């Protein structure tokens, strides 16, 4: 039982050392991730459309 208590005590001490981001940093980085994800989704969607069109041209006489 003492090992478990030591584990939680040390974990708590380590969490206090963490440099947590500010609210503004969190919001800014979240927006960056969302915009990047949308850009990648649009790029892959366009790529899929181009390849689908190319395959259709090859298959359809």
PDB file of N, CA and C in Angstrom:
ATOM      1  N   UNK A   1       0.826  -1.194   0.000  1.00  0.00           N
ATOM      2  CA  UNK A   1       0.000   0.000   0.000  1.00  0.00           C
ATOM      3  C   UNK A   1       0.866   1.252   0.000  1.00  0.00           C
ATOM      4  N   UNK A   2       2.051   1.175   0.597  1.00  0.00           N
ATOM      5  CA  UNK A   2       2.911   2.355   0.657  1.00  0.00           C
ATOM      6  C   UNK A   2       3.446   2.710  -0.735  1.00  0.00           C
ATOM      7  N   UNK A   3       3.631   1.689  -1.594  1.00  0.00           N
ATOM      8  CA  UNK A   3       4.093   1.953  -2.959  1.00  0.00           C
ATOM      9  C   UNK A   3       3.037   2.727  -3.746  1.00  0.00           C
ATOM     10  N   UNK A   4       1.790   2.379  -3.534  1.00  0.00           N
ATOM     11  CA  UNK A   4       0.701   3.063  -4.219  1.00  0.00           C
ATOM     12  C   UNK A   4       0.629   4.521  -3.780  1.00  0.00           C
ATOM     13  N   UNK A   5       0.754   4.748  -2.493  1.00  0.00           N
ATOM     14  CA  UNK A   5       0.726   6.119  -1.963  1.00  0.00           C
ATOM     15  C   UNK A   5       1.916   6.910  -2.503  1.00  0.00           C
ATOM     16  N   UNK A   6       3.090   6.302  -2.566  1.00  0.00           N
ATOM     17  CA  UNK A   6       4.279   6.971  -3.099  1.00  0.00           C
ATOM     18  C   UNK A   6       4.080   7.313  -4.570  1.00  0.00           C
ATOM     19  N   UNK A   7       3.459   6.404  -5.299  1.00  0.00           N
ATOM     20  CA  UNK A   7       3.201   6.642  -6.726  1.00  0.00           C
ATOM     21  C   UNK A   7       2.339   7.894  -6.906  1.00  0.00           C
ATOM     22  N   UNK A   8       1.237   7.972  -6.176  1.00  0.00           N
ATOM     23  CA  UNK A   8       0.343   9.124  -6.310  1.00  0.00           C
ATOM     24  C   UNK A   8       0.997  10.413  -5.821  1.00  0.00           C
ATOM     25  N   UNK A   9       1.774  10.332  -4.779  1.00  0.00           N
ATOM     26  CA  UNK A   9       2.476  11.514  -4.269  1.00  0.00           C
ATOM     27  C   UNK A   9       3.474  12.032  -5.300  1.00  0.00           C
ATOM     28  N   UNK A  10       4.249  11.122  -5.888  1.00  0.00           N
ATOM     29  CA  UNK A  10       5.236  11.528  -6.890  1.00  0.00           C
ATOM     30  C   UNK A  10       4.560  12.032  -8.166  1.00  0.00           C
ATOM     31  N   UNK A  11       3.447  11.415  -8.533  1.00  0.00           N
ATOM     32  CA  UNK A  11       2.707  11.865  -9.708  1.00  0.00           C
ATOM     33  C   UNK A  11       2.195  13.283  -9.500  1.00  0.00           C
ATOM     34  N   UNK A  12       1.669  13.556  -8.325  1.00  0.00           N
ATOM     35  CA  UNK A  12       1.167  14.895  -8.006  1.00  0.00           C
ATOM     36  C   UNK A  12       2.307  15.914  -8.053  1.00  0.00           C
ATOM     37  N   UNK A  13       3.453  15.566  -7.527  1.00  0.00           N
ATOM     38  CA  UNK A  13       4.605  16.470  -7.542  1.00  0.00           C
ATOM     39  C   UNK A  13       5.049  16.760  -8.976  1.00  0.00           C
ATOM     40  N   UNK A  14       5.041  15.760  -9.827  1.00  0.00           N
ATOM     41  CA  UNK A  14       5.438  15.952 -11.227  1.00  0.00           C
ATOM     42  C   UNK A  14       4.427  16.836 -11.958  1.00  0.00           C
ATOM     43  N   UNK A  15       3.151  16.652 -11.673  1.00  0.00           N
ATOM     44  CA  UNK A  15       2.123  17.478 -12.322  1.00  0.00           C
ATOM     45  C   UNK A  15       2.256  18.950 -11.934  1.00  0.00           C
ATOM     46  N   UNK A  16       2.727  19.219 -10.745  1.00  0.00           N
ATOM     47  CA  UNK A  16       2.919  20.600 -10.311  1.00  0.00           C
ATOM     48  C   UNK A  16       4.072  21.260 -11.069  1.00  0.00           C
ATOM     49  N   UNK A  17       4.996  20.478 -11.625  1.00  0.00           N
ATOM     50  CA  UNK A  17       6.137  21.007 -12.366  1.00  0.00           C
ATOM     51  C   UNK A  17       5.804  21.300 -13.832  1.00  0.00           C
ATOM     52  N   UNK A  18       4.663  20.822 -14.285  1.00  0.00           N
ATOM     53  CA  UNK A  18       4.294  20.969 -15.693  1.00  0.00           C
ATOM     54  C   UNK A  18       4.022  22.435 -16.002  1.00  0.00           C
ATOM     55  N   UNK A  19       4.515  22.867 -17.157  1.00  0.00           N
ATOM     56  CA  UNK A  19       4.275  24.234 -17.620  1.00  0.00           C
ATOM     57  C   UNK A  19       2.990  24.222 -18.458  1.00  0.00           C
ATOM     58  N   UNK A  20       1.859  24.477 -17.815  1.00  0.00           N
ATOM     59  CA  UNK A  20       0.565  24.406 -18.490  1.00  0.00           C
ATOM     60  C   UNK A  20       0.381  25.606 -19.409  1.00  0.00           C
ATOM     61  N   UNK A  21      -0.217  25.415 -20.597  1.00  0.00           N
ATOM     62  CA  UNK A  21      -0.440  26.548 -21.510  1.00  0.00           C
ATOM     63  C   UNK A  21      -1.538  27.463 -20.977  1.00  0.00           C
ATOM     64  N   UNK A  22      -1.468  28.725 -21.399  1.00  0.00           N
ATOM     65  CA  UNK A  22      -2.516  29.667 -21.009  1.00  0.00           C
ATOM     66  C   UNK A  22      -3.777  29.376 -21.816  1.00  0.00           C
ATOM     67  N   UNK A  23      -4.855  30.007 -21.430  1.00  0.00           N
ATOM     68  CA  UNK A  23      -6.121  29.819 -22.141  1.00  0.00           C
ATOM     69  C   UNK A  23      -5.991  30.288 -23.588  1.00  0.00           C
ATOM     70  N   UNK A  24      -5.334  31.435 -23.790  1.00  0.00           N
ATOM     71  CA  UNK A  24      -5.159  31.976 -25.141  1.00  0.00           C
ATOM     72  C   UNK A  24      -4.313  31.040 -26.007  1.00  0.00           C
ATOM     73  N   UNK A  25      -3.256  30.477 -25.446  1.00  0.00           N
ATOM     74  CA  UNK A  25      -2.423  29.530 -26.195  1.00  0.00           C
ATOM     75  C   UNK A  25      -3.226  28.290 -26.600  1.00  0.00           C
ATOM     76  N   UNK A  26      -4.028  27.814 -25.669  1.00  0.00           N
ATOM     77  CA  UNK A  26      -4.848  26.634 -25.934  1.00  0.00           C
ATOM     78  C   UNK A  26      -5.838  26.903 -27.062  1.00  0.00           C
ATOM     79  N   UNK A  27      -6.499  28.057 -27.015  1.00  0.00           N
ATOM     80  CA  UNK A  27      -7.468  28.415 -28.052  1.00  0.00           C
ATOM     81  C   UNK A  27      -6.765  28.573 -29.394  1.00  0.00           C
ATOM     82  N   UNK A  28      -5.641  29.272 -29.408  1.00  0.00           N
ATOM     83  CA  UNK A  28      -4.906  29.509 -30.659  1.00  0.00           C
ATOM     84  C   UNK A  28      -4.444  28.198 -31.280  1.00  0.00           C
ATOM     85  N   UNK A  29      -3.876  27.320 -30.479  1.00  0.00           N
ATOM     86  CA  UNK A  29      -3.391  26.051 -31.011  1.00  0.00           C
ATOM     87  C   UNK A  29      -4.531  25.133 -31.452  1.00  0.00           C
ATOM     88  N   UNK A  30      -5.661  25.213 -30.771  1.00  0.00           N
ATOM     89  CA  UNK A  30      -6.826  24.430 -31.179  1.00  0.00           C
ATOM     90  C   UNK A  30      -7.319  24.888 -32.539  1.00  0.00           C
ATOM     91  N   UNK A  31      -7.355  26.211 -32.752  1.00  0.00           N
ATOM     92  CA  UNK A  31      -7.772  26.750 -34.050  1.00  0.00           C
ATOM     93  C   UNK A  31      -6.796  26.316 -35.139  1.00  0.00           C
ATOM     94  N   UNK A  32      -5.499  26.333 -34.845  1.00  0.00           N
ATOM     95  CA  UNK A  32      -4.495  25.893 -35.822  1.00  0.00           C
ATOM     96  C   UNK A  32      -4.740  24.437 -36.215  1.00  0.00           C
ATOM     97  N   UNK A  33      -5.016  23.584 -35.247  1.00  0.00           N
ATOM     98  CA  UNK A  33      -5.260  22.164 -35.535  1.00  0.00           C
ATOM     99  C   UNK A  33      -6.517  21.989 -36.376  1.00  0.00           C
ATOM    100  N   UNK A  34      -7.572  22.728 -36.062  1.00  0.00           N
ATOM    101  CA  UNK A  34      -8.821  22.615 -36.820  1.00  0.00           C
ATOM    102  C   UNK A  34      -8.619  23.077 -38.258  1.00  0.00           C
ATOM    103  N   UNK A  35      -7.941  24.224 -38.453  1.00  0.00           N
ATOM    104  CA  UNK A  35      -7.705  24.746 -39.802  1.00  0.00           C
ATOM    105  C   UNK A  35      -6.831  23.781 -40.598  1.00  0.00           C
ATOM    106  N   UNK A  36      -5.777  23.271 -39.983  1.00  0.00           N
ATOM    107  CA  UNK A  36      -4.901  22.326 -40.681  1.00  0.00           C
ATOM    108  C   UNK A  36      -5.670  21.055 -41.056  1.00  0.00           C
ATOM    109  N   UNK A  37      -6.497  20.563 -40.157  1.00  0.00           N
ATOM    110  CA  UNK A  37      -7.291  19.360 -40.440  1.00  0.00           C
ATOM    111  C   UNK A  37      -8.249  19.588 -41.601  1.00  0.00           C
ATOM    112  N   UNK A  38      -8.892  20.753 -41.620  1.00  0.00           N
ATOM    113  CA  UNK A  38      -9.796  21.065 -42.725  1.00  0.00           C
ATOM    114  C   UNK A  38      -9.037  21.183 -44.043  1.00  0.00           C
ATOM    115  N   UNK A  39      -7.856  21.795 -44.025  1.00  0.00           N
ATOM    116  CA  UNK A  39      -7.055  21.932 -45.242  1.00  0.00           C
ATOM    117  C   UNK A  39      -6.649  20.561 -45.779  1.00  0.00           C
ATOM    118  N   UNK A  40      -6.235  19.673 -44.913  1.00  0.00           N
ATOM    119  CA  UNK A  40      -5.854  18.323 -45.334  1.00  0.00           C
ATOM    120  C   UNK A  40      -7.072  17.577 -45.866  1.00  0.00           C
ATOM    121  N   UNK A  41      -8.219  17.726 -45.223  1.00  0.00           N
ATOM    122  CA  UNK A  41      -9.442  17.054 -45.681  1.00  0.00           C
ATOM    123  C   UNK A  41      -9.846  17.549 -47.064  1.00  0.00           C
ATOM    124  N   UNK A  42      -9.760  18.860 -47.290  1.00  0.00           N
ATOM    125  CA  UNK A  42     -10.108  19.419 -48.598  1.00  0.00           C
ATOM    126  C   UNK A  42      -9.124  18.923 -49.658  1.00  0.00           C
ATOM    127  N   UNK A  43      -7.832  18.935 -49.339  1.00  0.00           N
ATOM    128  CA  UNK A  43      -6.813  18.461 -50.281  1.00  0.00           C
ATOM    129  C   UNK A  43      -7.058  17.001 -50.657  1.00  0.00           C
ATOM    130  N   UNK A  44      -7.294  16.155 -49.664  1.00  0.00           N
ATOM    131  CA  UNK A  44      -7.530  14.741 -49.946  1.00  0.00           C
ATOM    132  C   UNK A  44      -8.834  14.531 -50.715  1.00  0.00           C
ATOM    133  N   UNK A  45      -9.847  15.329 -50.425  1.00  0.00           N
ATOM    134  CA  UNK A  45     -11.108  15.242 -51.163  1.00  0.00           C
ATOM    135  C   UNK A  45     -10.928  15.602 -52.626  1.00  0.00           C
ATOM    136  N   UNK A  46     -10.166  16.669 -52.877  1.00  0.00           N
ATOM    137  CA  UNK A  46      -9.906  17.060 -54.265  1.00  0.00           C
ATOM    138  C   UNK A  46      -9.078  16.006 -54.989  1.00  0.00           C
ATOM    139  N   UNK A  47      -8.088  15.464 -54.301  1.00  0.00           N
ATOM    140  CA  UNK A  47      -7.265  14.405 -54.881  1.00  0.00           C
ATOM    141  C   UNK A  47      -8.128  13.190 -55.228  1.00  0.00           C
ATOM    142  N   UNK A  48      -9.048  12.843 -54.345  1.00  0.00           N
ATOM    143  CA  UNK A  48      -9.952  11.722 -54.588  1.00  0.00           C
ATOM    144  C   UNK A  48     -10.823  11.987 -55.809  1.00  0.00           C
ATOM    145  N   UNK A  49     -11.314  13.224 -55.939  1.00  0.00           N
ATOM    146  CA  UNK A  49     -12.149  13.567 -57.094  1.00  0.00           C
ATOM    147  C   UNK A  49     -11.360  13.451 -58.394  1.00  0.00           C
ATOM    148  N   UNK A  50     -10.119  13.927 -58.394  1.00  0.00           N
ATOM    149  CA  UNK A  50      -9.292  13.867 -59.597  1.00  0.00           C
ATOM    150  C   UNK A  50      -9.023  12.418 -59.991  1.00  0.00           C
ATOM    151  N   UNK A  51      -8.632  11.597 -59.018  1.00  0.00           N
ATOM    152  CA  UNK A  51      -8.359  10.193 -59.324  1.00  0.00           C
ATOM    153  C   UNK A  51      -9.626   9.450 -59.745  1.00  0.00           C
ATOM    154  N   UNK A  52     -10.752   9.740 -59.124  1.00  0.00           N
ATOM    155  CA  UNK A  52     -12.018   9.098 -59.516  1.00  0.00           C
ATOM    156  C   UNK A  52     -12.377   9.464 -60.947  1.00  0.00           C
ATOM    157  N   UNK A  53     -12.191  10.728 -61.308  1.00  0.00           N
ATOM    158  CA  UNK A  53     -12.473  11.171 -62.668  1.00  0.00           C
ATOM    159  C   UNK A  53     -11.544  10.461 -63.657  1.00  0.00           C
ATOM    160  N   UNK A  54     -10.269  10.360 -63.316  1.00  0.00           N
ATOM    161  CA  UNK A  54      -9.307   9.682 -64.186  1.00  0.00           C
ATOM    162  C   UNK A  54      -9.645   8.213 -64.381  1.00  0.00           C
ATOM    163  N   UNK A  55     -10.019   7.536 -63.312  1.00  0.00           N
ATOM    164  CA  UNK A  55     -10.394   6.117 -63.406  1.00  0.00           C
ATOM    165  C   UNK A  55     -11.649   5.966 -64.258  1.00  0.00           C
ATOM    166  N   UNK A  56     -12.620   6.864 -64.076  1.00  0.00           N
ATOM    167  CA  UNK A  56     -13.846   6.803 -64.881  1.00  0.00           C
ATOM    168  C   UNK A  56     -13.536   6.956 -66.370  1.00  0.00           C
ATOM    169  N   UNK A  57     -12.593   7.849 -66.697  1.00  0.00           N
ATOM    170  CA  UNK A  57     -12.211   8.038 -68.102  1.00  0.00           C
ATOM    171  C   UNK A  57     -11.563   6.785 -68.668  1.00  0.00           C
ATOM    172  N   UNK A  58     -10.787   6.087 -67.871  1.00  0.00           N
ATOM    173  CA  UNK A  58     -10.124   4.866 -68.342  1.00  0.00           C
ATOM    174  C   UNK A  58     -11.096   3.710 -68.508  1.00  0.00           C
ATOM    175  N   UNK A  59     -12.088   3.625 -67.634  1.00  0.00           N
ATOM    176  CA  UNK A  59     -13.005   2.486 -67.647  1.00  0.00           C
ATOM    177  C   UNK A  59     -14.131   2.686 -68.668  1.00  0.00           C
ATOM    178  N   UNK A  60     -14.688   3.886 -68.732  1.00  0.00           N
ATOM    179  CA  UNK A  60     -15.812   4.167 -69.616  1.00  0.00           C
ATOM    180  C   UNK A  60     -15.294   4.431 -71.034  1.00  0.00           C
ATOM    181  N   UNK A  61     -15.840   3.688 -72.013  1.00  0.00           N
ATOM    182  CA  UNK A  61     -15.366   3.896 -73.411  1.00  0.00           C
ATOM    183  C   UNK A  61     -15.863   5.186 -74.016  1.00  0.00           C
TER     184      UNK A  61
END
